[in-house]
Amino acid sequence: MSEHLVFTVVVVGVAATIALPVGVVIGHTRRGTTLVSAATGAARAMPTLGLLTLLGLGLGIGLVAPAIALIVLASPSLLAGAYAGVQSVDRQTVDAARAMGMSEPAIIRTVELPLAAPLILGGLRSATLQVVATATLAAYTSNTGLGRYIFAGLKGREYAELIGGSALIVALALLLDGIFALVQRVTLRDPHRLPVTTERHHP
């Protein structure tokens, strides 16, 4: 299980490194929204197994092909979560931060990201669950992860092994989902997520 989890974390980490900054910048500038819609739609429509097969034929056996396929799978949720989260921040709050003399990077870092955190975490949660379930396909080109028990069980008609591998994947997915749900709940309750306000308080 640890091998499957590490592979999932690495894939989601790489996808987040690519997709989150792009989503944040697009959400902040409100430019490139059409590109986001087209890219996320195309990536979601792409069959992961088909992409993995093509990559496997080109790159050979190993983890590189499934890693690339799963990065493509995870990116749309991450991109959409970052974009939607930053874009949803009240424009008056952003304008108030500018009026205080804050730079654009400072606004993103101290205003928009804290307020967008729940939606960003939602995208990360969705991407992680998609990857942890689909990472079973890594065993298609390498003997890696919990998917190898499913493939071995199917090939040898060892149904106990197949069910056991499936049960472990479900358990891991539920564990990760529970962790993300807890983090999102804490984030929503955190009073320090609101660093800037446009309200005026009168004595």
N, C-alpha and C. Protein backbone atom coordinates (compact mmCIF):
# COMPACT_ATOMS: atom_id res chain seq x y z
N MET A 1 0.83 -1.21 0.00
CA MET A 1 0.00 0.00 0.00
C MET A 1 0.86 1.26 0.00
N SER A 2 1.98 1.22 0.71
CA SER A 2 2.85 2.39 0.78
C SER A 2 3.38 2.78 -0.60
N GLU A 3 3.69 1.77 -1.42
CA GLU A 3 4.17 2.03 -2.78
C GLU A 3 3.11 2.75 -3.60
N HIS A 4 1.87 2.30 -3.49
CA HIS A 4 0.75 2.91 -4.20
C HIS A 4 0.54 4.34 -3.73
N LEU A 5 0.64 4.55 -2.42
CA LEU A 5 0.44 5.88 -1.85
C LEU A 5 1.54 6.84 -2.29
N VAL A 6 2.79 6.39 -2.25
CA VAL A 6 3.91 7.25 -2.66
C VAL A 6 3.77 7.63 -4.13
N PHE A 7 3.41 6.67 -4.97
CA PHE A 7 3.23 6.96 -6.39
C PHE A 7 2.13 7.99 -6.59
N THR A 8 1.04 7.85 -5.86
CA THR A 8 -0.07 8.80 -5.95
C THR A 8 0.37 10.20 -5.52
N VAL A 9 1.08 10.29 -4.41
CA VAL A 9 1.53 11.58 -3.89
C VAL A 9 2.47 12.26 -4.88
N VAL A 10 3.38 11.50 -5.47
CA VAL A 10 4.32 12.07 -6.43
C VAL A 10 3.58 12.60 -7.66
N VAL A 11 2.66 11.80 -8.19
CA VAL A 11 1.91 12.20 -9.38
C VAL A 11 1.09 13.45 -9.11
N VAL A 12 0.35 13.46 -8.01
CA VAL A 12 -0.47 14.63 -7.67
C VAL A 12 0.42 15.84 -7.39
N GLY A 13 1.56 15.62 -6.76
CA GLY A 13 2.48 16.71 -6.49
C GLY A 13 3.00 17.37 -7.76
N VAL A 14 3.38 16.55 -8.74
CA VAL A 14 3.86 17.08 -10.01
C VAL A 14 2.73 17.82 -10.74
N ALA A 15 1.54 17.20 -10.76
CA ALA A 15 0.40 17.84 -11.43
C ALA A 15 0.05 19.16 -10.76
N ALA A 16 0.10 19.21 -9.43
CA ALA A 16 -0.21 20.44 -8.70
C ALA A 16 0.82 21.53 -8.99
N THR A 17 2.09 21.14 -9.09
CA THR A 17 3.15 22.10 -9.39
C THR A 17 2.93 22.77 -10.74
N ILE A 18 2.34 22.01 -11.68
CA ILE A 18 2.09 22.54 -13.02
C ILE A 18 0.77 23.31 -13.07
N ALA A 19 -0.30 22.70 -12.55
CA ALA A 19 -1.66 23.22 -12.76
C ALA A 19 -2.05 24.35 -11.81
N LEU A 20 -1.65 24.26 -10.54
CA LEU A 20 -2.11 25.27 -9.57
C LEU A 20 -1.62 26.68 -9.89
N PRO A 21 -0.34 26.89 -10.18
CA PRO A 21 0.08 28.25 -10.53
C PRO A 21 -0.64 28.81 -11.74
N VAL A 22 -0.87 27.96 -12.75
CA VAL A 22 -1.58 28.41 -13.95
C VAL A 22 -3.01 28.82 -13.58
N GLY A 23 -3.68 27.99 -12.80
CA GLY A 23 -5.05 28.29 -12.39
C GLY A 23 -5.14 29.56 -11.56
N VAL A 24 -4.19 29.75 -10.66
CA VAL A 24 -4.19 30.94 -9.81
C VAL A 24 -3.99 32.21 -10.64
N VAL A 25 -3.04 32.17 -11.56
CA VAL A 25 -2.76 33.35 -12.39
C VAL A 25 -3.97 33.68 -13.27
N ILE A 26 -4.58 32.66 -13.87
CA ILE A 26 -5.74 32.89 -14.72
C ILE A 26 -6.91 33.42 -13.89
N GLY A 27 -7.11 32.87 -12.71
CA GLY A 27 -8.18 33.35 -11.85
C GLY A 27 -7.96 34.77 -11.40
N HIS A 28 -6.71 35.14 -11.17
CA HIS A 28 -6.39 36.50 -10.71
C HIS A 28 -6.55 37.52 -11.83
N THR A 29 -6.06 37.17 -13.01
CA THR A 29 -6.11 38.13 -14.12
C THR A 29 -7.41 38.08 -14.90
N ARG A 30 -8.19 37.01 -14.72
CA ARG A 30 -9.43 36.78 -15.48
C ARG A 30 -9.15 36.66 -16.98
N ARG A 31 -7.95 36.24 -17.33
CA ARG A 31 -7.59 36.06 -18.73
C ARG A 31 -7.26 34.59 -18.98
N GLY A 32 -7.67 34.11 -20.15
CA GLY A 32 -7.38 32.72 -20.50
C GLY A 32 -8.44 31.75 -20.03
N THR A 33 -9.62 32.25 -19.69
CA THR A 33 -10.68 31.36 -19.22
C THR A 33 -11.12 30.37 -20.30
N THR A 34 -11.13 30.82 -21.53
CA THR A 34 -11.50 29.92 -22.63
C THR A 34 -10.48 28.81 -22.76
N LEU A 35 -9.22 29.14 -22.58
CA LEU A 35 -8.16 28.15 -22.65
C LEU A 35 -8.31 27.12 -21.54
N VAL A 36 -8.68 27.57 -20.34
CA VAL A 36 -8.88 26.65 -19.22
C VAL A 36 -10.00 25.68 -19.53
N SER A 37 -11.12 26.21 -20.02
CA SER A 37 -12.27 25.35 -20.33
C SER A 37 -11.91 24.32 -21.39
N ALA A 38 -11.22 24.76 -22.44
CA ALA A 38 -10.85 23.85 -23.52
C ALA A 38 -9.86 22.80 -23.04
N ALA A 39 -8.86 23.22 -22.27
CA ALA A 39 -7.83 22.29 -21.81
C ALA A 39 -8.39 21.27 -20.84
N THR A 40 -9.20 21.72 -19.88
CA THR A 40 -9.76 20.80 -18.91
C THR A 40 -10.75 19.84 -19.57
N GLY A 41 -11.54 20.35 -20.51
CA GLY A 41 -12.48 19.49 -21.22
C GLY A 41 -11.77 18.42 -22.03
N ALA A 42 -10.71 18.81 -22.73
CA ALA A 42 -9.96 17.85 -23.55
C ALA A 42 -9.27 16.81 -22.68
N ALA A 43 -8.69 17.24 -21.55
CA ALA A 43 -7.99 16.31 -20.67
C ALA A 43 -8.96 15.32 -20.02
N ARG A 44 -10.14 15.80 -19.64
CA ARG A 44 -11.12 14.92 -19.02
C ARG A 44 -11.71 13.92 -20.00
N ALA A 45 -11.79 14.33 -21.27
CA ALA A 45 -12.36 13.44 -22.28
C ALA A 45 -11.37 12.38 -22.75
N MET A 46 -10.09 12.60 -22.46
CA MET A 46 -9.06 11.67 -22.93
C MET A 46 -9.09 10.38 -22.10
N PRO A 47 -9.23 9.22 -22.73
CA PRO A 47 -9.24 7.96 -21.98
C PRO A 47 -7.85 7.65 -21.41
N THR A 48 -7.79 7.48 -20.10
CA THR A 48 -6.50 7.28 -19.44
C THR A 48 -5.82 5.99 -19.90
N LEU A 49 -6.59 4.92 -20.03
CA LEU A 49 -6.01 3.65 -20.46
C LEU A 49 -5.46 3.75 -21.88
N GLY A 50 -6.19 4.44 -22.77
CA GLY A 50 -5.70 4.62 -24.13
C GLY A 50 -4.42 5.43 -24.16
N LEU A 51 -4.38 6.51 -23.37
CA LEU A 51 -3.18 7.33 -23.31
C LEU A 51 -2.02 6.54 -22.74
N LEU A 52 -2.30 5.75 -21.70
CA LEU A 52 -1.26 4.93 -21.09
C LEU A 52 -0.71 3.91 -22.09
N THR A 53 -1.59 3.33 -22.90
CA THR A 53 -1.15 2.36 -23.90
C THR A 53 -0.22 3.01 -24.92
N LEU A 54 -0.60 4.19 -25.40
CA LEU A 54 0.24 4.90 -26.37
C LEU A 54 1.58 5.29 -25.76
N LEU A 55 1.55 5.78 -24.54
CA LEU A 55 2.79 6.17 -23.87
C LEU A 55 3.66 4.95 -23.58
N GLY A 56 3.01 3.85 -23.21
CA GLY A 56 3.75 2.63 -22.95
C GLY A 56 4.45 2.12 -24.18
N LEU A 57 3.78 2.23 -25.33
CA LEU A 57 4.40 1.80 -26.59
C LEU A 57 5.59 2.67 -26.94
N GLY A 58 5.50 3.96 -26.62
CA GLY A 58 6.58 4.87 -26.96
C GLY A 58 7.70 4.89 -25.95
N LEU A 59 7.35 4.74 -24.67
CA LEU A 59 8.35 4.88 -23.60
C LEU A 59 8.79 3.54 -23.02
N GLY A 60 8.05 2.49 -23.33
CA GLY A 60 8.41 1.17 -22.80
C GLY A 60 7.85 0.95 -21.41
N ILE A 61 8.23 -0.18 -20.81
CA ILE A 61 7.73 -0.52 -19.48
C ILE A 61 8.37 0.38 -18.44
N GLY A 62 7.72 0.49 -17.31
CA GLY A 62 8.22 1.34 -16.23
C GLY A 62 7.13 2.28 -15.74
N LEU A 63 7.51 3.20 -14.88
CA LEU A 63 6.55 4.09 -14.25
C LEU A 63 6.36 5.41 -14.99
N VAL A 64 7.21 5.70 -15.96
CA VAL A 64 7.12 6.99 -16.64
C VAL A 64 5.80 7.14 -17.38
N ALA A 65 5.42 6.11 -18.14
CA ALA A 65 4.18 6.18 -18.93
C ALA A 65 2.95 6.36 -18.04
N PRO A 66 2.75 5.53 -17.00
CA PRO A 66 1.57 5.76 -16.15
C PRO A 66 1.63 7.07 -15.40
N ALA A 67 2.82 7.52 -15.03
CA ALA A 67 2.93 8.80 -14.32
C ALA A 67 2.44 9.94 -15.20
N ILE A 68 2.87 9.96 -16.46
CA ILE A 68 2.44 11.03 -17.37
C ILE A 68 0.93 10.96 -17.59
N ALA A 69 0.40 9.75 -17.80
CA ALA A 69 -1.03 9.59 -18.02
C ALA A 69 -1.84 10.08 -16.82
N LEU A 70 -1.35 9.80 -15.62
CA LEU A 70 -2.08 10.20 -14.42
C LEU A 70 -1.92 11.69 -14.13
N ILE A 71 -0.81 12.27 -14.52
CA ILE A 71 -0.65 13.73 -14.39
C ILE A 71 -1.68 14.44 -15.28
N VAL A 72 -1.87 13.92 -16.48
CA VAL A 72 -2.90 14.47 -17.37
C VAL A 72 -4.28 14.32 -16.75
N LEU A 73 -4.51 13.18 -16.09
CA LEU A 73 -5.81 12.94 -15.44
C LEU A 73 -6.04 13.89 -14.28
N ALA A 74 -5.01 14.16 -13.49
CA ALA A 74 -5.17 14.97 -12.29
C ALA A 74 -5.23 16.46 -12.56
N SER A 75 -4.61 16.91 -13.63
CA SER A 75 -4.47 18.35 -13.88
C SER A 75 -5.78 19.11 -14.02
N PRO A 76 -6.81 18.59 -14.72
CA PRO A 76 -8.04 19.38 -14.87
C PRO A 76 -8.70 19.77 -13.55
N SER A 77 -8.79 18.84 -12.60
CA SER A 77 -9.41 19.16 -11.31
C SER A 77 -8.61 20.20 -10.54
N LEU A 78 -7.30 20.08 -10.59
CA LEU A 78 -6.43 21.04 -9.91
C LEU A 78 -6.53 22.42 -10.54
N LEU A 79 -6.50 22.45 -11.86
CA LEU A 79 -6.58 23.71 -12.59
C LEU A 79 -7.92 24.39 -12.35
N ALA A 80 -9.00 23.62 -12.45
CA ALA A 80 -10.33 24.18 -12.26
C ALA A 80 -10.54 24.66 -10.84
N GLY A 81 -10.04 23.92 -9.84
CA GLY A 81 -10.19 24.32 -8.45
C GLY A 81 -9.46 25.62 -8.15
N ALA A 82 -8.23 25.76 -8.66
CA ALA A 82 -7.46 26.97 -8.42
C ALA A 82 -8.08 28.17 -9.13
N TYR A 83 -8.47 27.96 -10.37
CA TYR A 83 -9.08 29.04 -11.15
C TYR A 83 -10.39 29.50 -10.53
N ALA A 84 -11.28 28.54 -10.23
CA ALA A 84 -12.58 28.90 -9.67
C ALA A 84 -12.44 29.52 -8.28
N GLY A 85 -11.50 29.01 -7.49
CA GLY A 85 -11.32 29.54 -6.15
C GLY A 85 -10.86 30.99 -6.15
N VAL A 86 -9.86 31.29 -6.93
CA VAL A 86 -9.33 32.66 -6.98
C VAL A 86 -10.34 33.60 -7.62
N GLN A 87 -11.00 33.14 -8.67
CA GLN A 87 -11.97 33.99 -9.34
C GLN A 87 -13.17 34.30 -8.45
N SER A 88 -13.48 33.41 -7.52
CA SER A 88 -14.65 33.61 -6.66
C SER A 88 -14.42 34.64 -5.55
N VAL A 89 -13.18 35.05 -5.36
CA VAL A 89 -12.89 36.04 -4.31
C VAL A 89 -13.57 37.36 -4.65
N ASP A 90 -14.22 37.94 -3.67
CA ASP A 90 -14.95 39.19 -3.85
C ASP A 90 -14.02 40.27 -4.41
N ARG A 91 -14.42 40.88 -5.52
CA ARG A 91 -13.59 41.91 -6.14
C ARG A 91 -13.40 43.11 -5.22
N GLN A 92 -14.36 43.40 -4.36
CA GLN A 92 -14.22 44.52 -3.44
C GLN A 92 -13.08 44.27 -2.45
N THR A 93 -12.93 43.01 -2.05
CA THR A 93 -11.84 42.66 -1.15
C THR A 93 -10.49 42.86 -1.83
N VAL A 94 -10.41 42.44 -3.08
CA VAL A 94 -9.16 42.62 -3.85
C VAL A 94 -8.88 44.10 -4.07
N ASP A 95 -9.91 44.86 -4.42
CA ASP A 95 -9.73 46.30 -4.63
C ASP A 95 -9.29 47.00 -3.35
N ALA A 96 -9.82 46.54 -2.22
CA ALA A 96 -9.42 47.12 -0.93
C ALA A 96 -7.95 46.85 -0.66
N ALA A 97 -7.49 45.66 -1.02
CA ALA A 97 -6.07 45.33 -0.83
C ALA A 97 -5.20 46.21 -1.71
N ARG A 98 -5.63 46.45 -2.94
CA ARG A 98 -4.87 47.34 -3.84
C ARG A 98 -4.85 48.76 -3.28
N ALA A 99 -5.97 49.20 -2.73
CA ALA A 99 -6.04 50.55 -2.18
C ALA A 99 -5.10 50.71 -0.99
N MET A 100 -4.81 49.59 -0.32
CA MET A 100 -3.88 49.64 0.81
C MET A 100 -2.43 49.64 0.34
N GLY A 101 -2.23 49.54 -0.98
CA GLY A 101 -0.88 49.58 -1.53
C GLY A 101 -0.22 48.23 -1.70
N MET A 102 -0.99 47.15 -1.60
CA MET A 102 -0.42 45.81 -1.75
C MET A 102 -0.11 45.53 -3.22
N SER A 103 0.99 44.85 -3.47
CA SER A 103 1.35 44.46 -4.83
C SER A 103 0.50 43.29 -5.27
N GLU A 104 0.50 43.01 -6.58
CA GLU A 104 -0.31 41.90 -7.10
C GLU A 104 0.14 40.55 -6.51
N PRO A 105 1.46 40.25 -6.45
CA PRO A 105 1.85 39.00 -5.80
C PRO A 105 1.42 38.91 -4.34
N ALA A 106 1.47 40.05 -3.64
CA ALA A 106 1.05 40.06 -2.24
C ALA A 106 -0.45 39.83 -2.12
N ILE A 107 -1.22 40.37 -3.04
CA ILE A 107 -2.67 40.16 -3.04
C ILE A 107 -2.98 38.68 -3.26
N ILE A 108 -2.29 38.07 -4.21
CA ILE A 108 -2.50 36.65 -4.47
C ILE A 108 -2.15 35.82 -3.24
N ARG A 109 -1.01 36.14 -2.63
CA ARG A 109 -0.49 35.32 -1.54
C ARG A 109 -1.28 35.50 -0.24
N THR A 110 -1.65 36.73 0.10
CA THR A 110 -2.23 36.98 1.41
C THR A 110 -3.74 37.18 1.40
N VAL A 111 -4.32 37.41 0.23
CA VAL A 111 -5.76 37.65 0.15
C VAL A 111 -6.46 36.53 -0.61
N GLU A 112 -6.10 36.36 -1.86
CA GLU A 112 -6.84 35.44 -2.73
C GLU A 112 -6.62 33.98 -2.36
N LEU A 113 -5.39 33.58 -2.13
CA LEU A 113 -5.13 32.17 -1.82
C LEU A 113 -5.81 31.71 -0.52
N PRO A 114 -5.72 32.50 0.57
CA PRO A 114 -6.44 32.06 1.78
C PRO A 114 -7.94 31.93 1.57
N LEU A 115 -8.53 32.88 0.84
CA LEU A 115 -9.97 32.82 0.61
C LEU A 115 -10.35 31.73 -0.38
N ALA A 116 -9.46 31.42 -1.29
CA ALA A 116 -9.73 30.38 -2.30
C ALA A 116 -9.37 28.99 -1.81
N ALA A 117 -8.79 28.89 -0.62
CA ALA A 117 -8.28 27.61 -0.12
C ALA A 117 -9.31 26.47 -0.15
N PRO A 118 -10.57 26.68 0.25
CA PRO A 118 -11.52 25.56 0.22
C PRO A 118 -11.72 24.98 -1.17
N LEU A 119 -11.84 25.83 -2.19
CA LEU A 119 -12.03 25.33 -3.55
C LEU A 119 -10.75 24.70 -4.10
N ILE A 120 -9.62 25.27 -3.74
CA ILE A 120 -8.35 24.68 -4.16
C ILE A 120 -8.17 23.30 -3.54
N LEU A 121 -8.49 23.19 -2.26
CA LEU A 121 -8.42 21.90 -1.59
C LEU A 121 -9.42 20.91 -2.17
N GLY A 122 -10.59 21.43 -2.60
CA GLY A 122 -11.57 20.56 -3.25
C GLY A 122 -11.04 19.98 -4.54
N GLY A 123 -10.36 20.81 -5.34
CA GLY A 123 -9.75 20.31 -6.56
C GLY A 123 -8.65 19.31 -6.28
N LEU A 124 -7.85 19.58 -5.24
CA LEU A 124 -6.78 18.66 -4.85
C LEU A 124 -7.36 17.34 -4.35
N ARG A 125 -8.44 17.44 -3.62
CA ARG A 125 -9.11 16.23 -3.12
C ARG A 125 -9.63 15.37 -4.26
N SER A 126 -10.30 16.01 -5.22
CA SER A 126 -10.83 15.28 -6.37
C SER A 126 -9.72 14.63 -7.19
N ALA A 127 -8.64 15.39 -7.43
CA ALA A 127 -7.52 14.87 -8.21
C ALA A 127 -6.87 13.68 -7.51
N THR A 128 -6.71 13.79 -6.20
CA THR A 128 -6.06 12.71 -5.45
C THR A 128 -6.88 11.43 -5.50
N LEU A 129 -8.18 11.55 -5.34
CA LEU A 129 -9.05 10.37 -5.37
C LEU A 129 -9.06 9.74 -6.77
N GLN A 130 -9.05 10.57 -7.80
CA GLN A 130 -8.99 10.05 -9.16
C GLN A 130 -7.70 9.29 -9.39
N VAL A 131 -6.60 9.84 -8.92
CA VAL A 131 -5.29 9.22 -9.15
C VAL A 131 -5.15 7.95 -8.33
N VAL A 132 -5.56 7.98 -7.07
CA VAL A 132 -5.37 6.80 -6.22
C VAL A 132 -6.19 5.61 -6.75
N ALA A 133 -7.32 5.91 -7.38
CA ALA A 133 -8.13 4.82 -7.95
C ALA A 133 -7.56 4.36 -9.29
N THR A 134 -7.11 5.30 -10.11
CA THR A 134 -6.65 4.96 -11.45
C THR A 134 -5.19 4.52 -11.47
N ALA A 135 -4.46 4.75 -10.38
CA ALA A 135 -3.06 4.33 -10.30
C ALA A 135 -2.91 2.82 -10.39
N THR A 136 -4.02 2.10 -10.27
CA THR A 136 -3.97 0.65 -10.49
C THR A 136 -3.43 0.33 -11.89
N LEU A 137 -3.64 1.27 -12.84
CA LEU A 137 -3.18 1.04 -14.20
C LEU A 137 -1.66 1.07 -14.31
N ALA A 138 -0.98 1.55 -13.26
CA ALA A 138 0.48 1.54 -13.29
C ALA A 138 1.02 0.12 -13.44
N ALA A 139 0.26 -0.84 -12.95
CA ALA A 139 0.66 -2.24 -13.06
C ALA A 139 0.55 -2.75 -14.50
N TYR A 140 -0.08 -1.95 -15.36
CA TYR A 140 -0.22 -2.33 -16.77
C TYR A 140 1.13 -2.31 -17.48
N THR A 141 2.01 -1.40 -17.07
CA THR A 141 3.33 -1.31 -17.69
C THR A 141 4.46 -1.56 -16.70
N SER A 142 4.13 -1.77 -15.44
CA SER A 142 5.16 -2.07 -14.43
C SER A 142 4.50 -2.82 -13.28
N ASN A 143 5.26 -3.60 -12.60
CA ASN A 143 4.75 -4.38 -11.48
C ASN A 143 4.77 -3.53 -10.21
N THR A 144 3.90 -2.51 -10.21
CA THR A 144 3.94 -1.50 -9.15
C THR A 144 2.55 -1.26 -8.59
N GLY A 145 2.48 -1.01 -7.29
CA GLY A 145 1.23 -0.59 -6.67
C GLY A 145 0.25 -1.72 -6.44
N LEU A 146 -0.90 -1.34 -5.92
CA LEU A 146 -1.92 -2.33 -5.60
C LEU A 146 -2.57 -2.92 -6.85
N GLY A 147 -2.40 -2.25 -7.98
CA GLY A 147 -2.98 -2.77 -9.21
C GLY A 147 -2.42 -4.11 -9.62
N ARG A 148 -1.20 -4.42 -9.17
CA ARG A 148 -0.61 -5.70 -9.57
C ARG A 148 -1.39 -6.87 -9.01
N TYR A 149 -2.02 -6.68 -7.85
CA TYR A 149 -2.83 -7.76 -7.29
C TYR A 149 -4.09 -7.98 -8.12
N ILE A 150 -4.64 -6.88 -8.63
CA ILE A 150 -5.84 -7.00 -9.46
C ILE A 150 -5.51 -7.67 -10.78
N PHE A 151 -4.43 -7.23 -11.42
CA PHE A 151 -4.04 -7.83 -12.69
C PHE A 151 -3.65 -9.29 -12.51
N ALA A 152 -2.91 -9.60 -11.44
CA ALA A 152 -2.52 -10.99 -11.19
C ALA A 152 -3.73 -11.85 -10.87
N GLY A 153 -4.68 -11.29 -10.12
CA GLY A 153 -5.88 -12.04 -9.79
C GLY A 153 -6.73 -12.32 -11.02
N LEU A 154 -6.83 -11.34 -11.91
CA LEU A 154 -7.58 -11.55 -13.15
C LEU A 154 -6.90 -12.59 -14.04
N LYS A 155 -5.60 -12.48 -14.14
CA LYS A 155 -4.86 -13.39 -15.02
C LYS A 155 -4.89 -14.82 -14.52
N GLY A 156 -4.73 -15.00 -13.21
CA GLY A 156 -4.69 -16.35 -12.65
C GLY A 156 -6.01 -16.81 -12.08
N ARG A 157 -7.04 -15.98 -12.24
CA ARG A 157 -8.36 -16.29 -11.68
C ARG A 157 -8.29 -16.53 -10.18
N GLU A 158 -7.44 -15.76 -9.55
CA GLU A 158 -7.33 -15.79 -8.09
C GLU A 158 -8.20 -14.66 -7.54
N TYR A 159 -9.47 -14.97 -7.34
CA TYR A 159 -10.43 -13.92 -6.99
C TYR A 159 -10.21 -13.34 -5.60
N ALA A 160 -9.65 -14.14 -4.70
CA ALA A 160 -9.36 -13.61 -3.37
C ALA A 160 -8.31 -12.51 -3.45
N GLU A 161 -7.28 -12.73 -4.29
CA GLU A 161 -6.24 -11.72 -4.48
C GLU A 161 -6.82 -10.48 -5.15
N LEU A 162 -7.69 -10.68 -6.12
CA LEU A 162 -8.33 -9.57 -6.82
C LEU A 162 -9.16 -8.73 -5.87
N ILE A 163 -9.98 -9.40 -5.06
CA ILE A 163 -10.86 -8.69 -4.12
C ILE A 163 -10.03 -7.99 -3.04
N GLY A 164 -8.97 -8.67 -2.59
CA GLY A 164 -8.11 -8.07 -1.58
C GLY A 164 -7.45 -6.80 -2.07
N GLY A 165 -6.92 -6.83 -3.31
CA GLY A 165 -6.32 -5.63 -3.88
C GLY A 165 -7.32 -4.51 -4.04
N SER A 166 -8.53 -4.86 -4.50
CA SER A 166 -9.58 -3.86 -4.67
C SER A 166 -9.97 -3.24 -3.33
N ALA A 167 -10.07 -4.09 -2.30
CA ALA A 167 -10.46 -3.60 -0.97
C ALA A 167 -9.42 -2.65 -0.41
N LEU A 168 -8.14 -2.94 -0.64
CA LEU A 168 -7.08 -2.05 -0.17
C LEU A 168 -7.13 -0.69 -0.87
N ILE A 169 -7.43 -0.70 -2.15
CA ILE A 169 -7.54 0.56 -2.89
C ILE A 169 -8.70 1.39 -2.37
N VAL A 170 -9.84 0.73 -2.13
CA VAL A 170 -11.00 1.43 -1.58
C VAL A 170 -10.69 2.01 -0.20
N ALA A 171 -10.01 1.21 0.64
CA ALA A 171 -9.66 1.67 1.98
C ALA A 171 -8.72 2.88 1.92
N LEU A 172 -7.74 2.84 1.02
CA LEU A 172 -6.81 3.96 0.88
C LEU A 172 -7.53 5.21 0.38
N ALA A 173 -8.44 5.03 -0.57
CA ALA A 173 -9.20 6.17 -1.09
C ALA A 173 -10.07 6.78 0.00
N LEU A 174 -10.71 5.96 0.82
CA LEU A 174 -11.55 6.47 1.90
C LEU A 174 -10.72 7.18 2.95
N LEU A 175 -9.53 6.66 3.24
CA LEU A 175 -8.65 7.30 4.21
C LEU A 175 -8.23 8.68 3.73
N LEU A 176 -7.81 8.77 2.48
CA LEU A 176 -7.39 10.06 1.93
C LEU A 176 -8.55 11.04 1.86
N ASP A 177 -9.73 10.53 1.48
CA ASP A 177 -10.90 11.39 1.41
C ASP A 177 -11.25 11.94 2.79
N GLY A 178 -11.13 11.10 3.81
CA GLY A 178 -11.40 11.55 5.17
C GLY A 178 -10.43 12.62 5.63
N ILE A 179 -9.16 12.46 5.27
CA ILE A 179 -8.14 13.45 5.64
C ILE A 179 -8.43 14.79 4.97
N PHE A 180 -8.76 14.74 3.68
CA PHE A 180 -9.07 15.98 2.96
C PHE A 180 -10.33 16.64 3.52
N ALA A 181 -11.33 15.84 3.86
CA ALA A 181 -12.56 16.40 4.43
C ALA A 181 -12.26 17.12 5.74
N LEU A 182 -11.39 16.54 6.55
CA LEU A 182 -11.02 17.16 7.82
C LEU A 182 -10.26 18.46 7.60
N VAL A 183 -9.32 18.45 6.65
CA VAL A 183 -8.54 19.66 6.35
C VAL A 183 -9.46 20.77 5.83
N GLN A 184 -10.39 20.41 4.94
CA GLN A 184 -11.32 21.42 4.41
C GLN A 184 -12.19 22.00 5.51
N ARG A 185 -12.61 21.16 6.45
CA ARG A 185 -13.45 21.65 7.54
C ARG A 185 -12.68 22.62 8.43
N VAL A 186 -11.43 22.29 8.72
CA VAL A 186 -10.60 23.18 9.52
C VAL A 186 -10.35 24.48 8.78
N THR A 187 -10.12 24.40 7.47
CA THR A 187 -9.88 25.60 6.67
C THR A 187 -11.08 26.53 6.68
N LEU A 188 -12.27 25.96 6.57
CA LEU A 188 -13.49 26.77 6.55
C LEU A 188 -13.74 27.45 7.89
N ARG A 189 -13.27 26.82 8.98
CA ARG A 189 -13.49 27.39 10.30
C ARG A 189 -12.39 28.35 10.73
N ASP A 190 -11.31 28.42 9.96
CA ASP A 190 -10.16 29.22 10.35
C ASP A 190 -10.47 30.70 10.19
N PRO A 191 -10.54 31.45 11.25
CA PRO A 191 -10.87 32.88 11.15
C PRO A 191 -9.78 33.69 10.48
N HIS A 192 -8.56 33.16 10.40
CA HIS A 192 -7.46 33.91 9.81
C HIS A 192 -7.45 33.82 8.29
N ARG A 193 -8.45 33.17 7.71
CA ARG A 193 -8.54 33.12 6.25
C ARG A 193 -9.01 34.44 5.68
N LEU A 194 -9.46 35.35 6.51
CA LEU A 194 -10.02 36.61 6.02
C LEU A 194 -9.12 37.77 6.43
N PRO A 195 -7.98 37.94 5.74
CA PRO A 195 -7.00 38.94 6.14
C PRO A 195 -7.37 40.36 5.77
N VAL A 196 -8.27 40.52 4.81
CA VAL A 196 -8.61 41.87 4.35
C VAL A 196 -10.12 42.01 4.34
N THR A 197 -10.64 43.13 4.79
CA THR A 197 -12.07 43.36 4.74
C THR A 197 -12.34 44.77 4.26
N THR A 198 -13.44 44.92 3.56
CA THR A 198 -13.82 46.25 3.08
C THR A 198 -14.81 46.92 4.02
N GLU A 199 -15.18 46.25 5.11
CA GLU A 199 -16.15 46.81 6.04
C GLU A 199 -15.49 47.89 6.87
N ARG A 200 -16.25 48.92 7.19
CA ARG A 200 -15.78 49.99 8.06
C ARG A 200 -16.47 49.86 9.40
N HIS A 201 -15.70 49.91 10.44
CA HIS A 201 -16.26 49.78 11.77
C HIS A 201 -16.31 51.17 12.42
N HIS A 202 -17.45 51.50 12.89
CA HIS A 202 -17.64 52.81 13.50
C HIS A 202 -17.70 52.65 15.02
N PRO A 203 -17.13 53.54 15.74
CA PRO A 203 -17.18 53.47 17.20
C PRO A 203 -18.59 53.65 17.72
